[in-house]
Amino acid sequence: MITLKALSTNIKKALRQVNSFAYENKTLKQIAQEIATRHNLKLVGNIKEIKVKRITQNKEKDLTFLKNLAEQYGYIFKISDNQLVFYETEKLKSAASAIILIKQDFTGINLREKTHEKYKACSVTYHNPESKTVISTIIRAEGIVNGDILKLNSRCETKEQAIIQAKAALYTKNGSKIEGDLSLIGTPYLVAGLNIELKGIGNFSGKYHLGQVKHSIDRTSGYTTNLEVKSC
């Protein structure tokens, strides 16, 4: 059996090596550019002016460090054709669907509604040991009256950073009402990062974003594709 798991990226060995760097007085875009340059990649995408006074990459792989930092501020990225391509998560999920699929296209459907992870607000509190000040903010989710308050204790140097992090966390937690797994006959053009439209499956019909995509070849089952999806 051959199994290929894809995150829509061509990962070179150098990107998997553990590194330690300190980034001072940089923007998120400048940090991404440094990592892209280190691996001979071209940085592509619109990244907002998010300034960071200091952040340390401590014995982490470049991809892991950049992924965590990007998600903290509402971005995801992929590596394709020697490019490091950044996307705003919210805009990516609002993109048009690449393909329409119906119930009969699938060999397996496992979708479920998320009813227990809705947050009415997000609070961020961080004690800055350098300035000995406490940075805090609370952002309320639109259209959600009932629910818990998501509490973050993540590093932030300004209230502006705290607000961006709170909004990104709320979007990630509340953005998808339905999630699950789909399987179908091998379909090579389905890759992570695409949006697809599902029809003919009742309340589960609608637009979905592809997370991890796994392509497998087995003597018994032949070529199959398995998708991790979240509703947009």
C-alpha atoms as a PDB file:
ATOM      1  CA  MET A   1       0.000   0.000   0.000  1.00  0.00           C
ATOM      2  CA  ILE A   2       1.231   3.508  -0.873  1.00  0.00           C
ATOM      3  CA  THR A   3      -0.100   6.497   1.063  1.00  0.00           C
ATOM      4  CA  LEU A   4       0.579  10.139   0.277  1.00  0.00           C
ATOM      5  CA  LYS A   5      -0.466  12.841   2.751  1.00  0.00           C
ATOM      6  CA  ALA A   6      -0.499  16.367   1.381  1.00  0.00           C
ATOM      7  CA  LEU A   7      -0.651  19.858   2.802  1.00  0.00           C
ATOM      8  CA  SER A   8      -0.268  21.399  -0.654  1.00  0.00           C
ATOM      9  CA  THR A   9       3.455  21.950  -0.207  1.00  0.00           C
ATOM     10  CA  ASN A  10       6.763  20.684  -1.516  1.00  0.00           C
ATOM     11  CA  ILE A  11       8.813  20.402   1.683  1.00  0.00           C
ATOM     12  CA  LYS A  12      12.575  20.339   1.255  1.00  0.00           C
ATOM     13  CA  LYS A  13      14.855  18.721   3.801  1.00  0.00           C
ATOM     14  CA  ALA A  14      16.230  22.111   4.904  1.00  0.00           C
ATOM     15  CA  LEU A  15      12.740  23.223   5.941  1.00  0.00           C
ATOM     16  CA  ARG A  16      12.555  20.297   8.355  1.00  0.00           C
ATOM     17  CA  GLN A  17      15.796  21.115  10.138  1.00  0.00           C
ATOM     18  CA  VAL A  18      15.636  22.581  13.644  1.00  0.00           C
ATOM     19  CA  ASN A  19      16.812  26.205  13.897  1.00  0.00           C
ATOM     20  CA  SER A  20      17.122  28.934  16.512  1.00  0.00           C
ATOM     21  CA  PHE A  21      16.773  32.610  15.592  1.00  0.00           C
ATOM     22  CA  ALA A  22      15.763  35.838  17.306  1.00  0.00           C
ATOM     23  CA  TYR A  23      13.665  38.278  15.272  1.00  0.00           C
ATOM     24  CA  GLU A  24      13.729  41.867  16.570  1.00  0.00           C
ATOM     25  CA  ASN A  25      11.687  44.848  15.379  1.00  0.00           C
ATOM     26  CA  LYS A  26      10.284  42.898  12.447  1.00  0.00           C
ATOM     27  CA  THR A  27       6.877  42.666  10.833  1.00  0.00           C
ATOM     28  CA  LEU A  28       5.204  39.334  10.170  1.00  0.00           C
ATOM     29  CA  LYS A  29       5.942  39.881   6.478  1.00  0.00           C
ATOM     30  CA  GLN A  30       9.640  40.526   7.150  1.00  0.00           C
ATOM     31  CA  ILE A  31       9.919  37.355   9.249  1.00  0.00           C
ATOM     32  CA  ALA A  32       8.235  35.356   6.502  1.00  0.00           C
ATOM     33  CA  GLN A  33      10.579  36.960   3.966  1.00  0.00           C
ATOM     34  CA  GLU A  34      13.659  35.970   5.986  1.00  0.00           C
ATOM     35  CA  ILE A  35      12.515  32.358   6.120  1.00  0.00           C
ATOM     36  CA  ALA A  36      11.613  32.393   2.420  1.00  0.00           C
ATOM     37  CA  THR A  37      15.031  33.819   1.502  1.00  0.00           C
ATOM     38  CA  ARG A  38      16.768  31.239   3.684  1.00  0.00           C
ATOM     39  CA  HIS A  39      15.223  28.502   1.543  1.00  0.00           C
ATOM     40  CA  ASN A  40      15.397  30.213  -1.860  1.00  0.00           C
ATOM     41  CA  LEU A  41      11.645  30.757  -1.987  1.00  0.00           C
ATOM     42  CA  LYS A  42       9.704  33.739  -3.305  1.00  0.00           C
ATOM     43  CA  LEU A  43       7.260  35.229  -0.790  1.00  0.00           C
ATOM     44  CA  VAL A  44       3.822  35.772  -2.323  1.00  0.00           C
ATOM     45  CA  GLY A  45       0.633  37.189  -0.798  1.00  0.00           C
ATOM     46  CA  ASN A  46      -0.686  40.241   1.012  1.00  0.00           C
ATOM     47  CA  ILE A  47       0.332  40.381   4.673  1.00  0.00           C
ATOM     48  CA  LYS A  48      -0.841  43.203   6.911  1.00  0.00           C
ATOM     49  CA  GLU A  49       1.659  45.416   8.735  1.00  0.00           C
ATOM     50  CA  ILE A  50       1.865  43.475  12.004  1.00  0.00           C
ATOM     51  CA  LYS A  51       4.917  44.599  13.974  1.00  0.00           C
ATOM     52  CA  VAL A  52       6.724  42.351  16.453  1.00  0.00           C
ATOM     53  CA  LYS A  53       9.379  43.795  18.768  1.00  0.00           C
ATOM     54  CA  ARG A  54      10.947  40.442  19.549  1.00  0.00           C
ATOM     55  CA  ILE A  55      10.106  36.796  19.038  1.00  0.00           C
ATOM     56  CA  THR A  56      12.392  33.797  19.385  1.00  0.00           C
ATOM     57  CA  GLN A  57      12.457  30.655  17.303  1.00  0.00           C
ATOM     58  CA  ASN A  58      13.906  28.252  19.839  1.00  0.00           C
ATOM     59  CA  LYS A  59      14.996  24.907  18.401  1.00  0.00           C
ATOM     60  CA  GLU A  60      12.019  24.727  16.050  1.00  0.00           C
ATOM     61  CA  LYS A  61      11.674  23.779  12.426  1.00  0.00           C
ATOM     62  CA  ASP A  62      11.182  26.823  10.219  1.00  0.00           C
ATOM     63  CA  LEU A  63       7.830  25.535   8.967  1.00  0.00           C
ATOM     64  CA  THR A  64       6.519  24.815  12.470  1.00  0.00           C
ATOM     65  CA  PHE A  65       7.613  28.204  13.811  1.00  0.00           C
ATOM     66  CA  LEU A  66       6.141  30.097  10.843  1.00  0.00           C
ATOM     67  CA  LYS A  67       2.909  28.076  10.889  1.00  0.00           C
ATOM     68  CA  ASN A  68       2.265  28.843  14.570  1.00  0.00           C
ATOM     69  CA  LEU A  69       3.111  32.524  14.131  1.00  0.00           C
ATOM     70  CA  ALA A  70       0.955  32.859  11.004  1.00  0.00           C
ATOM     71  CA  GLU A  71      -2.081  31.165  12.588  1.00  0.00           C
ATOM     72  CA  GLN A  72      -1.756  33.399  15.639  1.00  0.00           C
ATOM     73  CA  TYR A  73      -2.503  36.378  13.396  1.00  0.00           C
ATOM     74  CA  GLY A  74      -5.078  34.778  11.081  1.00  0.00           C
ATOM     75  CA  TYR A  75      -2.917  33.502   8.209  1.00  0.00           C
ATOM     76  CA  ILE A  76      -2.035  30.171   6.645  1.00  0.00           C
ATOM     77  CA  PHE A  77       0.493  29.424   3.922  1.00  0.00           C
ATOM     78  CA  LYS A  78       1.618  26.792   1.473  1.00  0.00           C
ATOM     79  CA  ILE A  79       4.816  26.108  -0.455  1.00  0.00           C
ATOM     80  CA  SER A  80       4.303  25.533  -4.163  1.00  0.00           C
ATOM     81  CA  ASP A  81       6.474  26.039  -7.260  1.00  0.00           C
ATOM     82  CA  ASN A  82       9.315  27.499  -5.161  1.00  0.00           C
ATOM     83  CA  GLN A  83       6.965  30.051  -3.638  1.00  0.00           C
ATOM     84  CA  LEU A  84       5.937  30.655  -0.022  1.00  0.00           C
ATOM     85  CA  VAL A  85       2.321  31.702  -0.516  1.00  0.00           C
ATOM     86  CA  PHE A  86       0.488  33.451   2.347  1.00  0.00           C
ATOM     87  CA  TYR A  87      -3.302  33.726   2.663  1.00  0.00           C
ATOM     88  CA  GLU A  88      -5.611  35.396   5.148  1.00  0.00           C
ATOM     89  CA  THR A  89      -7.649  32.494   6.513  1.00  0.00           C
ATOM     90  CA  GLU A  90     -10.911  34.420   6.344  1.00  0.00           C
ATOM     91  CA  LYS A  91     -10.401  35.455   2.715  1.00  0.00           C
ATOM     92  CA  LEU A  92      -9.229  32.004   1.651  1.00  0.00           C
ATOM     93  CA  LYS A  93     -12.359  30.344   3.000  1.00  0.00           C
ATOM     94  CA  SER A  94     -14.513  32.893   1.188  1.00  0.00           C
ATOM     95  CA  ALA A  95     -12.932  31.999  -2.180  1.00  0.00           C
ATOM     96  CA  ALA A  96     -15.040  30.336  -4.870  1.00  0.00           C
ATOM     97  CA  SER A  97     -15.390  26.554  -4.926  1.00  0.00           C
ATOM     98  CA  ALA A  98     -13.052  24.713  -7.296  1.00  0.00           C
ATOM     99  CA  ILE A  99     -15.470  21.842  -7.945  1.00  0.00           C
ATOM    100  CA  ILE A 100     -19.018  20.685  -7.174  1.00  0.00           C
ATOM    101  CA  LEU A 101     -19.379  17.152  -5.777  1.00  0.00           C
ATOM    102  CA  ILE A 102     -22.586  15.217  -5.119  1.00  0.00           C
ATOM    103  CA  LYS A 103     -23.414  12.402  -2.711  1.00  0.00           C
ATOM    104  CA  GLN A 104     -22.835   9.722  -5.352  1.00  0.00           C
ATOM    105  CA  ASP A 105     -19.223  10.868  -5.840  1.00  0.00           C
ATOM    106  CA  PHE A 106     -18.229   9.635  -2.392  1.00  0.00           C
ATOM    107  CA  THR A 107     -17.517   6.179  -1.035  1.00  0.00           C
ATOM    108  CA  GLY A 108     -17.700   7.465   2.538  1.00  0.00           C
ATOM    109  CA  ILE A 109     -19.157  10.526   4.269  1.00  0.00           C
ATOM    110  CA  ASN A 110     -18.525  11.331   7.931  1.00  0.00           C
ATOM    111  CA  LEU A 111     -19.689  14.865   8.747  1.00  0.00           C
ATOM    112  CA  ARG A 112     -20.763  16.254  12.114  1.00  0.00           C
ATOM    113  CA  GLU A 113     -22.061  19.549  13.413  1.00  0.00           C
ATOM    114  CA  LYS A 114     -20.029  21.378  16.025  1.00  0.00           C
ATOM    115  CA  THR A 115     -22.337  22.360  18.856  1.00  0.00           C
ATOM    116  CA  HIS A 116     -19.951  22.528  21.803  1.00  0.00           C
ATOM    117  CA  GLU A 117     -17.225  24.912  20.664  1.00  0.00           C
ATOM    118  CA  LYS A 118     -19.011  28.200  20.133  1.00  0.00           C
ATOM    119  CA  TYR A 119     -17.515  31.159  21.949  1.00  0.00           C
ATOM    120  CA  LYS A 120     -19.338  34.443  22.527  1.00  0.00           C
ATOM    121  CA  ALA A 121     -16.082  36.302  23.120  1.00  0.00           C
ATOM    122  CA  CYS A 122     -12.313  35.982  23.371  1.00  0.00           C
ATOM    123  CA  SER A 123     -10.175  37.564  26.064  1.00  0.00           C
ATOM    124  CA  VAL A 124      -6.428  38.003  25.800  1.00  0.00           C
ATOM    125  CA  THR A 125      -4.278  38.694  28.840  1.00  0.00           C
ATOM    126  CA  TYR A 126      -0.501  38.830  28.757  1.00  0.00           C
ATOM    127  CA  HIS A 127       1.956  40.043  31.375  1.00  0.00           C
ATOM    128  CA  ASN A 128       4.930  41.568  29.606  1.00  0.00           C
ATOM    129  CA  PRO A 129       7.980  40.773  31.765  1.00  0.00           C
ATOM    130  CA  GLU A 130      10.103  43.438  30.055  1.00  0.00           C
ATOM    131  CA  SER A 131       7.788  46.410  30.509  1.00  0.00           C
ATOM    132  CA  LYS A 132       6.135  44.888  33.596  1.00  0.00           C
ATOM    133  CA  THR A 133       2.724  45.798  32.210  1.00  0.00           C
ATOM    134  CA  VAL A 134      -0.391  43.745  31.561  1.00  0.00           C
ATOM    135  CA  ILE A 135      -1.890  43.849  28.073  1.00  0.00           C
ATOM    136  CA  SER A 136      -5.502  42.758  27.904  1.00  0.00           C
ATOM    137  CA  THR A 137      -8.517  42.999  25.647  1.00  0.00           C
ATOM    138  CA  ILE A 138     -11.820  41.248  25.018  1.00  0.00           C
ATOM    139  CA  ILE A 139     -13.451  40.854  21.608  1.00  0.00           C
ATOM    140  CA  ARG A 140     -17.048  39.705  21.219  1.00  0.00           C
ATOM    141  CA  ALA A 141     -18.147  37.364  18.440  1.00  0.00           C
ATOM    142  CA  GLU A 142     -20.742  38.649  16.018  1.00  0.00           C
ATOM    143  CA  GLY A 143     -24.111  36.901  16.198  1.00  0.00           C
ATOM    144  CA  ILE A 144     -23.282  34.671  19.168  1.00  0.00           C
ATOM    145  CA  VAL A 145     -25.028  35.595  22.414  1.00  0.00           C
ATOM    146  CA  ASN A 146     -24.570  32.424  24.425  1.00  0.00           C
ATOM    147  CA  GLY A 147     -21.377  30.490  24.930  1.00  0.00           C
ATOM    148  CA  ASP A 148     -18.121  30.457  26.828  1.00  0.00           C
ATOM    149  CA  ILE A 149     -15.386  33.052  26.698  1.00  0.00           C
ATOM    150  CA  LEU A 150     -12.247  31.807  24.960  1.00  0.00           C
ATOM    151  CA  LYS A 151      -9.255  32.776  27.099  1.00  0.00           C
ATOM    152  CA  LEU A 152      -5.804  33.258  25.562  1.00  0.00           C
ATOM    153  CA  ASN A 153      -2.540  33.839  27.347  1.00  0.00           C
ATOM    154  CA  SER A 154      -0.352  34.307  24.291  1.00  0.00           C
ATOM    155  CA  ARG A 155       2.576  36.658  23.873  1.00  0.00           C
ATOM    156  CA  CYS A 156       1.566  40.110  22.657  1.00  0.00           C
ATOM    157  CA  GLU A 157       3.427  43.392  22.886  1.00  0.00           C
ATOM    158  CA  THR A 158       0.592  45.830  22.127  1.00  0.00           C
ATOM    159  CA  LYS A 159      -3.168  45.994  22.430  1.00  0.00           C
ATOM    160  CA  GLU A 160      -3.351  46.003  18.635  1.00  0.00           C
ATOM    161  CA  GLN A 161      -1.631  42.607  18.556  1.00  0.00           C
ATOM    162  CA  ALA A 162      -4.012  41.322  21.239  1.00  0.00           C
ATOM    163  CA  ILE A 163      -7.036  42.393  19.183  1.00  0.00           C
ATOM    164  CA  ILE A 164      -5.734  40.710  16.013  1.00  0.00           C
ATOM    165  CA  GLN A 165      -5.000  37.489  17.929  1.00  0.00           C
ATOM    166  CA  ALA A 166      -8.444  37.487  19.573  1.00  0.00           C
ATOM    167  CA  LYS A 167     -10.228  37.963  16.245  1.00  0.00           C
ATOM    168  CA  ALA A 168      -8.143  35.224  14.593  1.00  0.00           C
ATOM    169  CA  ALA A 169      -8.844  32.792  17.443  1.00  0.00           C
ATOM    170  CA  LEU A 170     -12.589  33.490  17.358  1.00  0.00           C
ATOM    171  CA  TYR A 171     -12.710  32.998  13.591  1.00  0.00           C
ATOM    172  CA  THR A 172     -10.859  29.693  13.880  1.00  0.00           C
ATOM    173  CA  LYS A 173     -13.051  28.375  16.692  1.00  0.00           C
ATOM    174  CA  ASN A 174     -16.419  29.668  15.487  1.00  0.00           C
ATOM    175  CA  GLY A 175     -15.907  29.759  11.728  1.00  0.00           C
ATOM    176  CA  SER A 176     -16.798  26.147  10.918  1.00  0.00           C
ATOM    177  CA  LYS A 177     -20.194  24.753  11.887  1.00  0.00           C
ATOM    178  CA  ILE A 178     -19.557  21.363  10.264  1.00  0.00           C
ATOM    179  CA  GLU A 179     -16.388  19.291  10.022  1.00  0.00           C
ATOM    180  CA  GLY A 180     -15.467  15.726   9.169  1.00  0.00           C
ATOM    181  CA  ASP A 181     -13.978  13.345   6.609  1.00  0.00           C
ATOM    182  CA  LEU A 182     -14.875  12.387   3.062  1.00  0.00           C
ATOM    183  CA  SER A 183     -13.543   9.548   0.914  1.00  0.00           C
ATOM    184  CA  LEU A 184     -13.867   8.972  -2.815  1.00  0.00           C
ATOM    185  CA  ILE A 185     -12.218   7.294  -5.775  1.00  0.00           C
ATOM    186  CA  GLY A 186      -8.736   8.734  -6.365  1.00  0.00           C
ATOM    187  CA  THR A 187      -8.948  12.344  -7.506  1.00  0.00           C
ATOM    188  CA  PRO A 188      -5.457  13.834  -8.008  1.00  0.00           C
ATOM    189  CA  TYR A 189      -6.532  17.467  -8.509  1.00  0.00           C
ATOM    190  CA  LEU A 190      -8.051  17.664  -5.004  1.00  0.00           C
ATOM    191  CA  VAL A 191      -5.356  19.281  -2.844  1.00  0.00           C
ATOM    192  CA  ALA A 192      -5.241  21.021   0.513  1.00  0.00           C
ATOM    193  CA  GLY A 193      -6.286  24.668   0.459  1.00  0.00           C
ATOM    194  CA  LEU A 194      -9.113  24.328  -2.081  1.00  0.00           C
ATOM    195  CA  ASN A 195     -12.788  24.982  -1.442  1.00  0.00           C
ATOM    196  CA  ILE A 196     -15.365  22.497  -2.730  1.00  0.00           C
ATOM    197  CA  GLU A 197     -19.159  22.580  -2.986  1.00  0.00           C
ATOM    198  CA  LEU A 198     -21.184  19.617  -1.710  1.00  0.00           C
ATOM    199  CA  LYS A 199     -24.701  19.025  -3.010  1.00  0.00           C
ATOM    200  CA  GLY A 200     -27.398  16.435  -2.396  1.00  0.00           C
ATOM    201  CA  ILE A 201     -26.576  15.654   1.264  1.00  0.00           C
ATOM    202  CA  GLY A 202     -29.372  17.565   2.989  1.00  0.00           C
ATOM    203  CA  ASN A 203     -28.364  19.979   5.745  1.00  0.00           C
ATOM    204  CA  PHE A 204     -24.717  19.132   5.136  1.00  0.00           C
ATOM    205  CA  SER A 205     -24.783  20.583   1.619  1.00  0.00           C
ATOM    206  CA  GLY A 206     -22.678  23.712   1.140  1.00  0.00           C
ATOM    207  CA  LYS A 207     -19.125  24.998   0.722  1.00  0.00           C
ATOM    208  CA  TYR A 208     -16.214  23.285   2.498  1.00  0.00           C
ATOM    209  CA  HIS A 209     -12.511  24.014   2.880  1.00  0.00           C
ATOM    210  CA  LEU A 210     -10.009  21.186   2.387  1.00  0.00           C
ATOM    211  CA  GLY A 211      -7.502  20.706   5.203  1.00  0.00           C
ATOM    212  CA  GLN A 212      -5.378  17.574   5.006  1.00  0.00           C
ATOM    213  CA  VAL A 213      -5.728  15.538   1.813  1.00  0.00           C
ATOM    214  CA  LYS A 214      -4.512  11.926   1.681  1.00  0.00           C
ATOM    215  CA  HIS A 215      -4.030   9.989  -1.558  1.00  0.00           C
ATOM    216  CA  SER A 216      -3.605   6.206  -1.202  1.00  0.00           C
ATOM    217  CA  ILE A 217      -2.940   3.322  -3.583  1.00  0.00           C
ATOM    218  CA  ASP A 218      -3.833  -0.154  -2.354  1.00  0.00           C
ATOM    219  CA  ARG A 219      -3.975  -3.506  -4.165  1.00  0.00           C
ATOM    220  CA  THR A 220      -7.450  -4.140  -2.789  1.00  0.00           C
ATOM    221  CA  SER A 221      -9.045  -0.687  -2.863  1.00  0.00           C
ATOM    222  CA  GLY A 222      -7.115   0.828  -5.733  1.00  0.00           C
ATOM    223  CA  TYR A 223      -6.520   4.577  -5.797  1.00  0.00           C
ATOM    224  CA  THR A 224      -8.498   6.483  -3.145  1.00  0.00           C
ATOM    225  CA  THR A 225      -8.585  10.049  -1.815  1.00  0.00           C
ATOM    226  CA  ASN A 226      -9.524  11.027   1.723  1.00  0.00           C
ATOM    227  CA  LEU A 227     -10.350  14.600   2.686  1.00  0.00           C
ATOM    228  CA  GLU A 228     -10.481  16.448   6.006  1.00  0.00           C
ATOM    229  CA  VAL A 229     -13.037  19.246   5.567  1.00  0.00           C
ATOM    230  CA  LYS A 230     -14.548  22.174   7.447  1.00  0.00           C
ATOM    231  CA  SER A 231     -17.556  24.182   6.343  1.00  0.00           C
ATOM    232  CA  CYS A 232     -16.883  27.731   5.149  1.00  0.00           C
END
